[in-house]
Amino acid sequence: MSWTKSKDRVETVGLVGCGRMGLCMVEALIKGRFTVVAFDTYPEAVRRAVSRGAEAAADPEDLARKADVVLMSLPGPLQLEEVLFSGNGIIHGLGKGKVVVDTSTVDPNTTRENARRLEEATGSAYLDCPVLGRPSAVGKWMLPTGGNREALEWAKPALLTFAANAIPVGGHGAGNALKLLNQMMFSCINAISSE
């Protein structure tokens, strides 16, 4: 299924996961003059996002209905499954022409399966877009991205509020594969340096 943008420009960005990295994204998006809708299972995390200027969503489905682009910043595959496909998950609030951007670090197979299920059911685009960078380097982050290039270009103005660039690196899962290789490389360098 081919992706077609829902409108000329992104106006509202939803963010699921308002932890350390997510809150950096909220602040940058607000500063970039996007309307931000936020959700987290921890009420205090949502309160922090709202104090920065975001609107609170009732659940992931509500967030997806309101947003043009849905960002996810979550700990792992189990949390993604819950947020995307549960009874009040993102999948139920999406429509054709929206873009879901997963900035979590997960395995490529999880990404490919999530993308397949979501794109077939909704007509939205799914991008794996893990962050290369620490919270303190927000604004300088690099986002290797797997998935539809047109969808990435449409979502890019929002992504570039908190990243230096978002670069297409292949199909679904390619962004996560590059991130995991990057992590492995740094682990090797650190181990060699400690020796």
C-alpha atoms as a PDB file:
ATOM      1  CA  MET A   1       0.000   0.000   0.000  1.00  0.00           C
ATOM      2  CA  SER A   2       1.411   3.392  -0.976  1.00  0.00           C
ATOM      3  CA  TRP A   3       1.391   6.261   1.505  1.00  0.00           C
ATOM      4  CA  THR A   4      -0.237   9.597   0.640  1.00  0.00           C
ATOM      5  CA  LYS A   5       0.095  12.621   2.916  1.00  0.00           C
ATOM      6  CA  SER A   6      -3.066  13.757   4.665  1.00  0.00           C
ATOM      7  CA  LYS A   7      -2.349  17.507   4.392  1.00  0.00           C
ATOM      8  CA  ASP A   8       0.287  19.871   3.063  1.00  0.00           C
ATOM      9  CA  ARG A   9       2.152  20.277   6.343  1.00  0.00           C
ATOM     10  CA  VAL A  10       2.406  18.731   9.769  1.00  0.00           C
ATOM     11  CA  GLU A  11       0.566  20.771  12.380  1.00  0.00           C
ATOM     12  CA  THR A  12       0.020  18.475  15.359  1.00  0.00           C
ATOM     13  CA  VAL A  13       2.524  15.968  16.720  1.00  0.00           C
ATOM     14  CA  GLY A  14       1.589  13.280  19.224  1.00  0.00           C
ATOM     15  CA  LEU A  15       4.190  11.785  21.552  1.00  0.00           C
ATOM     16  CA  VAL A  16       3.756   8.525  23.452  1.00  0.00           C
ATOM     17  CA  GLY A  17       6.481   8.183  26.078  1.00  0.00           C
ATOM     18  CA  CYS A  18       7.373  11.360  27.948  1.00  0.00           C
ATOM     19  CA  GLY A  19      10.480  10.144  29.759  1.00  0.00           C
ATOM     20  CA  ARG A  20      13.908  11.720  29.559  1.00  0.00           C
ATOM     21  CA  MET A  21      14.247  11.553  25.766  1.00  0.00           C
ATOM     22  CA  GLY A  22      10.551  12.185  25.153  1.00  0.00           C
ATOM     23  CA  LEU A  23      10.498  15.330  27.257  1.00  0.00           C
ATOM     24  CA  CYS A  24      13.415  16.704  25.209  1.00  0.00           C
ATOM     25  CA  MET A  25      11.281  16.127  22.099  1.00  0.00           C
ATOM     26  CA  VAL A  26       8.249  17.839  23.646  1.00  0.00           C
ATOM     27  CA  GLU A  27      10.265  20.935  24.520  1.00  0.00           C
ATOM     28  CA  ALA A  28      11.841  21.154  21.071  1.00  0.00           C
ATOM     29  CA  LEU A  29       8.530  20.636  19.250  1.00  0.00           C
ATOM     30  CA  ILE A  30       6.809  23.333  21.339  1.00  0.00           C
ATOM     31  CA  LYS A  31       9.713  25.689  20.652  1.00  0.00           C
ATOM     32  CA  GLY A  32       9.322  24.829  16.946  1.00  0.00           C
ATOM     33  CA  ARG A  33       5.675  25.968  17.124  1.00  0.00           C
ATOM     34  CA  PHE A  34       4.040  22.577  16.689  1.00  0.00           C
ATOM     35  CA  THR A  35       0.937  21.646  18.634  1.00  0.00           C
ATOM     36  CA  VAL A  36       1.924  18.686  20.826  1.00  0.00           C
ATOM     37  CA  VAL A  37      -0.356  16.022  22.291  1.00  0.00           C
ATOM     38  CA  ALA A  38       1.275  13.778  24.909  1.00  0.00           C
ATOM     39  CA  PHE A  39       0.549  10.432  26.562  1.00  0.00           C
ATOM     40  CA  ASP A  40       2.428   8.308  29.082  1.00  0.00           C
ATOM     41  CA  THR A  41       1.328   5.572  31.477  1.00  0.00           C
ATOM     42  CA  TYR A  42       2.959   7.568  34.299  1.00  0.00           C
ATOM     43  CA  PRO A  43       0.785  10.592  35.194  1.00  0.00           C
ATOM     44  CA  GLU A  44       3.777  12.599  36.440  1.00  0.00           C
ATOM     45  CA  ALA A  45       5.464  12.284  33.040  1.00  0.00           C
ATOM     46  CA  VAL A  46       2.338  13.670  31.366  1.00  0.00           C
ATOM     47  CA  ARG A  47       2.182  16.513  33.905  1.00  0.00           C
ATOM     48  CA  ARG A  48       5.759  17.463  33.035  1.00  0.00           C
ATOM     49  CA  ALA A  49       4.899  17.493  29.314  1.00  0.00           C
ATOM     50  CA  VAL A  50       1.778  19.597  29.944  1.00  0.00           C
ATOM     51  CA  SER A  51       3.831  22.054  32.029  1.00  0.00           C
ATOM     52  CA  ARG A  52       6.009  22.574  28.921  1.00  0.00           C
ATOM     53  CA  GLY A  53       2.961  23.383  26.767  1.00  0.00           C
ATOM     54  CA  ALA A  54       1.659  20.008  25.541  1.00  0.00           C
ATOM     55  CA  GLU A  55      -1.962  18.850  25.632  1.00  0.00           C
ATOM     56  CA  ALA A  56      -2.673  15.585  27.475  1.00  0.00           C
ATOM     57  CA  ALA A  57      -4.293  12.726  25.535  1.00  0.00           C
ATOM     58  CA  ALA A  58      -6.698  10.317  27.227  1.00  0.00           C
ATOM     59  CA  ASP A  59      -4.970   7.272  25.700  1.00  0.00           C
ATOM     60  CA  PRO A  60      -2.886   6.318  22.628  1.00  0.00           C
ATOM     61  CA  GLU A  61      -5.994   6.051  20.426  1.00  0.00           C
ATOM     62  CA  ASP A  62      -7.088   9.580  21.368  1.00  0.00           C
ATOM     63  CA  LEU A  63      -3.567  10.856  20.673  1.00  0.00           C
ATOM     64  CA  ALA A  64      -3.476   9.213  17.227  1.00  0.00           C
ATOM     65  CA  ARG A  65      -6.841  10.752  16.268  1.00  0.00           C
ATOM     66  CA  LYS A  66      -5.567  14.243  17.069  1.00  0.00           C
ATOM     67  CA  ALA A  67      -2.048  14.034  15.604  1.00  0.00           C
ATOM     68  CA  ASP A  68      -0.704  14.194  12.048  1.00  0.00           C
ATOM     69  CA  VAL A  69       2.559  12.559  13.139  1.00  0.00           C
ATOM     70  CA  VAL A  70       2.729  10.130  16.077  1.00  0.00           C
ATOM     71  CA  LEU A  71       6.101   9.768  17.803  1.00  0.00           C
ATOM     72  CA  MET A  72       6.866   6.878  20.144  1.00  0.00           C
ATOM     73  CA  SER A  73       9.751   6.897  22.630  1.00  0.00           C
ATOM     74  CA  LEU A  74       9.371   3.633  24.540  1.00  0.00           C
ATOM     75  CA  PRO A  75      11.585   1.123  26.404  1.00  0.00           C
ATOM     76  CA  GLY A  76      11.080  -1.952  24.219  1.00  0.00           C
ATOM     77  CA  PRO A  77       8.965  -4.324  22.090  1.00  0.00           C
ATOM     78  CA  LEU A  78       6.405  -5.178  24.792  1.00  0.00           C
ATOM     79  CA  GLN A  79       5.555  -1.528  25.374  1.00  0.00           C
ATOM     80  CA  LEU A  80       5.301  -0.925  21.618  1.00  0.00           C
ATOM     81  CA  GLU A  81       2.889  -3.846  21.225  1.00  0.00           C
ATOM     82  CA  GLU A  82       0.667  -2.470  23.992  1.00  0.00           C
ATOM     83  CA  VAL A  83       0.709   1.124  22.746  1.00  0.00           C
ATOM     84  CA  LEU A  84       0.132   0.207  19.100  1.00  0.00           C
ATOM     85  CA  PHE A  85      -2.311  -2.689  19.181  1.00  0.00           C
ATOM     86  CA  SER A  86      -4.187  -2.856  22.520  1.00  0.00           C
ATOM     87  CA  GLY A  87      -7.902  -2.036  22.800  1.00  0.00           C
ATOM     88  CA  ASN A  88      -7.171   1.708  23.027  1.00  0.00           C
ATOM     89  CA  GLY A  89      -3.989   1.537  20.959  1.00  0.00           C
ATOM     90  CA  ILE A  90      -2.675   3.872  18.298  1.00  0.00           C
ATOM     91  CA  ILE A  91      -3.912   1.633  15.460  1.00  0.00           C
ATOM     92  CA  HIS A  92      -7.550   2.459  16.320  1.00  0.00           C
ATOM     93  CA  GLY A  93      -7.004   6.216  16.003  1.00  0.00           C
ATOM     94  CA  LEU A  94      -5.056   6.316  12.768  1.00  0.00           C
ATOM     95  CA  GLY A  95      -6.276   7.127   9.302  1.00  0.00           C
ATOM     96  CA  LYS A  96      -4.740   7.228   5.867  1.00  0.00           C
ATOM     97  CA  GLY A  97      -2.016   9.810   5.409  1.00  0.00           C
ATOM     98  CA  LYS A  98      -0.676   9.891   8.965  1.00  0.00           C
ATOM     99  CA  VAL A  99       2.853   8.891   9.955  1.00  0.00           C
ATOM    100  CA  VAL A 100       3.951   6.860  12.977  1.00  0.00           C
ATOM    101  CA  VAL A 101       7.596   7.416  13.924  1.00  0.00           C
ATOM    102  CA  ASP A 102       9.192   4.963  16.351  1.00  0.00           C
ATOM    103  CA  THR A 103      12.271   6.472  17.992  1.00  0.00           C
ATOM    104  CA  SER A 104      12.642   3.479  20.355  1.00  0.00           C
ATOM    105  CA  THR A 105      15.610   1.116  20.068  1.00  0.00           C
ATOM    106  CA  VAL A 106      14.232  -2.325  19.175  1.00  0.00           C
ATOM    107  CA  ASP A 107      15.192  -5.203  16.906  1.00  0.00           C
ATOM    108  CA  PRO A 108      14.531  -4.924  13.148  1.00  0.00           C
ATOM    109  CA  ASN A 109      12.097  -7.876  13.116  1.00  0.00           C
ATOM    110  CA  THR A 110       9.838  -6.153  15.667  1.00  0.00           C
ATOM    111  CA  THR A 111       9.852  -3.046  13.499  1.00  0.00           C
ATOM    112  CA  ARG A 112       9.028  -4.940  10.309  1.00  0.00           C
ATOM    113  CA  GLU A 113       6.099  -6.750  11.927  1.00  0.00           C
ATOM    114  CA  ASN A 114       4.720  -3.584  13.558  1.00  0.00           C
ATOM    115  CA  ALA A 115       4.999  -1.714  10.250  1.00  0.00           C
ATOM    116  CA  ARG A 116       3.255  -4.475   8.318  1.00  0.00           C
ATOM    117  CA  ARG A 117       0.329  -4.711  10.738  1.00  0.00           C
ATOM    118  CA  LEU A 118      -0.152  -0.973  11.063  1.00  0.00           C
ATOM    119  CA  GLU A 119       0.241  -0.020   7.410  1.00  0.00           C
ATOM    120  CA  GLU A 120      -2.059  -2.792   6.160  1.00  0.00           C
ATOM    121  CA  ALA A 121      -4.783  -1.882   8.635  1.00  0.00           C
ATOM    122  CA  THR A 122      -4.694   1.923   8.436  1.00  0.00           C
ATOM    123  CA  GLY A 123      -2.980   3.300   5.335  1.00  0.00           C
ATOM    124  CA  SER A 124      -0.624   5.252   7.589  1.00  0.00           C
ATOM    125  CA  ALA A 125       3.153   5.083   7.192  1.00  0.00           C
ATOM    126  CA  TYR A 126       5.464   3.569   9.811  1.00  0.00           C
ATOM    127  CA  LEU A 127       9.063   4.734  10.206  1.00  0.00           C
ATOM    128  CA  ASP A 128      11.751   3.293  12.480  1.00  0.00           C
ATOM    129  CA  CYS A 129      13.760   6.305  13.482  1.00  0.00           C
ATOM    130  CA  PRO A 130      15.996   5.515  16.492  1.00  0.00           C
ATOM    131  CA  VAL A 131      17.996   8.301  18.109  1.00  0.00           C
ATOM    132  CA  LEU A 132      21.778   8.460  17.845  1.00  0.00           C
ATOM    133  CA  GLY A 133      22.632  10.817  20.682  1.00  0.00           C
ATOM    134  CA  ARG A 134      22.180  11.510  24.367  1.00  0.00           C
ATOM    135  CA  PRO A 135      19.486  13.717  25.951  1.00  0.00           C
ATOM    136  CA  SER A 136      22.030  16.467  26.540  1.00  0.00           C
ATOM    137  CA  ALA A 137      22.753  16.574  22.786  1.00  0.00           C
ATOM    138  CA  VAL A 138      19.144  17.257  21.750  1.00  0.00           C
ATOM    139  CA  GLY A 139      19.165  19.298  18.559  1.00  0.00           C
ATOM    140  CA  LYS A 140      22.288  17.471  17.385  1.00  0.00           C
ATOM    141  CA  TRP A 141      20.774  13.980  17.262  1.00  0.00           C
ATOM    142  CA  MET A 142      21.025  11.861  14.110  1.00  0.00           C
ATOM    143  CA  LEU A 143      18.004   9.761  13.097  1.00  0.00           C
ATOM    144  CA  PRO A 144      18.756   6.852  10.728  1.00  0.00           C
ATOM    145  CA  THR A 145      15.339   6.043   9.305  1.00  0.00           C
ATOM    146  CA  GLY A 146      13.783   2.957   7.762  1.00  0.00           C
ATOM    147  CA  GLY A 147      10.548   3.079   5.767  1.00  0.00           C
ATOM    148  CA  ASN A 148       8.797   5.265   3.213  1.00  0.00           C
ATOM    149  CA  ARG A 149      11.026   8.158   2.065  1.00  0.00           C
ATOM    150  CA  GLU A 150       8.113  10.434   1.141  1.00  0.00           C
ATOM    151  CA  ALA A 151       6.602   9.973   4.585  1.00  0.00           C
ATOM    152  CA  LEU A 152       9.956  10.839   6.145  1.00  0.00           C
ATOM    153  CA  GLU A 153      10.244  14.025   4.079  1.00  0.00           C
ATOM    154  CA  TRP A 154       6.740  15.073   5.139  1.00  0.00           C
ATOM    155  CA  ALA A 155       7.442  14.396   8.835  1.00  0.00           C
ATOM    156  CA  LYS A 156      10.951  15.868   8.737  1.00  0.00           C
ATOM    157  CA  PRO A 157      10.097  19.473   9.750  1.00  0.00           C
ATOM    158  CA  ALA A 158       8.845  18.109  13.088  1.00  0.00           C
ATOM    159  CA  LEU A 159      11.796  15.742  13.518  1.00  0.00           C
ATOM    160  CA  LEU A 160      14.319  18.492  12.826  1.00  0.00           C
ATOM    161  CA  THR A 161      13.142  20.455  15.837  1.00  0.00           C
ATOM    162  CA  PHE A 162      15.070  17.955  18.014  1.00  0.00           C
ATOM    163  CA  ALA A 163      17.522  16.338  15.548  1.00  0.00           C
ATOM    164  CA  ALA A 164      20.243  17.644  13.242  1.00  0.00           C
ATOM    165  CA  ASN A 165      19.103  15.292  10.490  1.00  0.00           C
ATOM    166  CA  ALA A 166      16.894  12.304   9.659  1.00  0.00           C
ATOM    167  CA  ILE A 167      18.458  10.186   6.935  1.00  0.00           C
ATOM    168  CA  PRO A 168      16.736   7.402   4.962  1.00  0.00           C
ATOM    169  CA  VAL A 169      18.812   4.212   5.252  1.00  0.00           C
ATOM    170  CA  GLY A 170      16.513   1.586   3.706  1.00  0.00           C
ATOM    171  CA  GLY A 171      13.291  -0.310   4.275  1.00  0.00           C
ATOM    172  CA  HIS A 172      11.519  -1.062   7.541  1.00  0.00           C
ATOM    173  CA  GLY A 173      13.989  -2.165  10.193  1.00  0.00           C
ATOM    174  CA  ALA A 174      17.041  -0.576   8.554  1.00  0.00           C
ATOM    175  CA  GLY A 175      17.113   2.326  11.020  1.00  0.00           C
ATOM    176  CA  ASN A 176      17.073  -0.041  13.984  1.00  0.00           C
ATOM    177  CA  ALA A 177      19.723  -2.287  12.401  1.00  0.00           C
ATOM    178  CA  LEU A 178      22.030   0.708  11.994  1.00  0.00           C
ATOM    179  CA  LYS A 179      21.379   1.839  15.581  1.00  0.00           C
ATOM    180  CA  LEU A 180      22.191  -1.617  16.974  1.00  0.00           C
ATOM    181  CA  LEU A 181      25.397  -1.783  14.922  1.00  0.00           C
ATOM    182  CA  ASN A 182      26.306   1.680  16.224  1.00  0.00           C
ATOM    183  CA  GLN A 183      25.752   0.513  19.822  1.00  0.00           C
ATOM    184  CA  MET A 184      27.854  -2.616  19.231  1.00  0.00           C
ATOM    185  CA  MET A 185      30.670  -0.534  17.748  1.00  0.00           C
ATOM    186  CA  PHE A 186      30.762   1.789  20.763  1.00  0.00           C
ATOM    187  CA  SER A 187      30.653  -1.182  23.148  1.00  0.00           C
ATOM    188  CA  CYS A 188      33.718  -2.656  21.399  1.00  0.00           C
ATOM    189  CA  ILE A 189      35.545   0.684  21.474  1.00  0.00           C
ATOM    190  CA  ASN A 190      34.806   1.103  25.189  1.00  0.00           C
ATOM    191  CA  ALA A 191      35.939  -2.456  25.960  1.00  0.00           C
ATOM    192  CA  ILE A 192      39.186  -2.004  24.007  1.00  0.00           C
ATOM    193  CA  SER A 193      39.816   1.382  25.619  1.00  0.00           C
ATOM    194  CA  SER A 194      39.328  -0.058  29.111  1.00  0.00           C
ATOM    195  CA  GLU A 195      41.894  -2.775  28.345  1.00  0.00           C
END
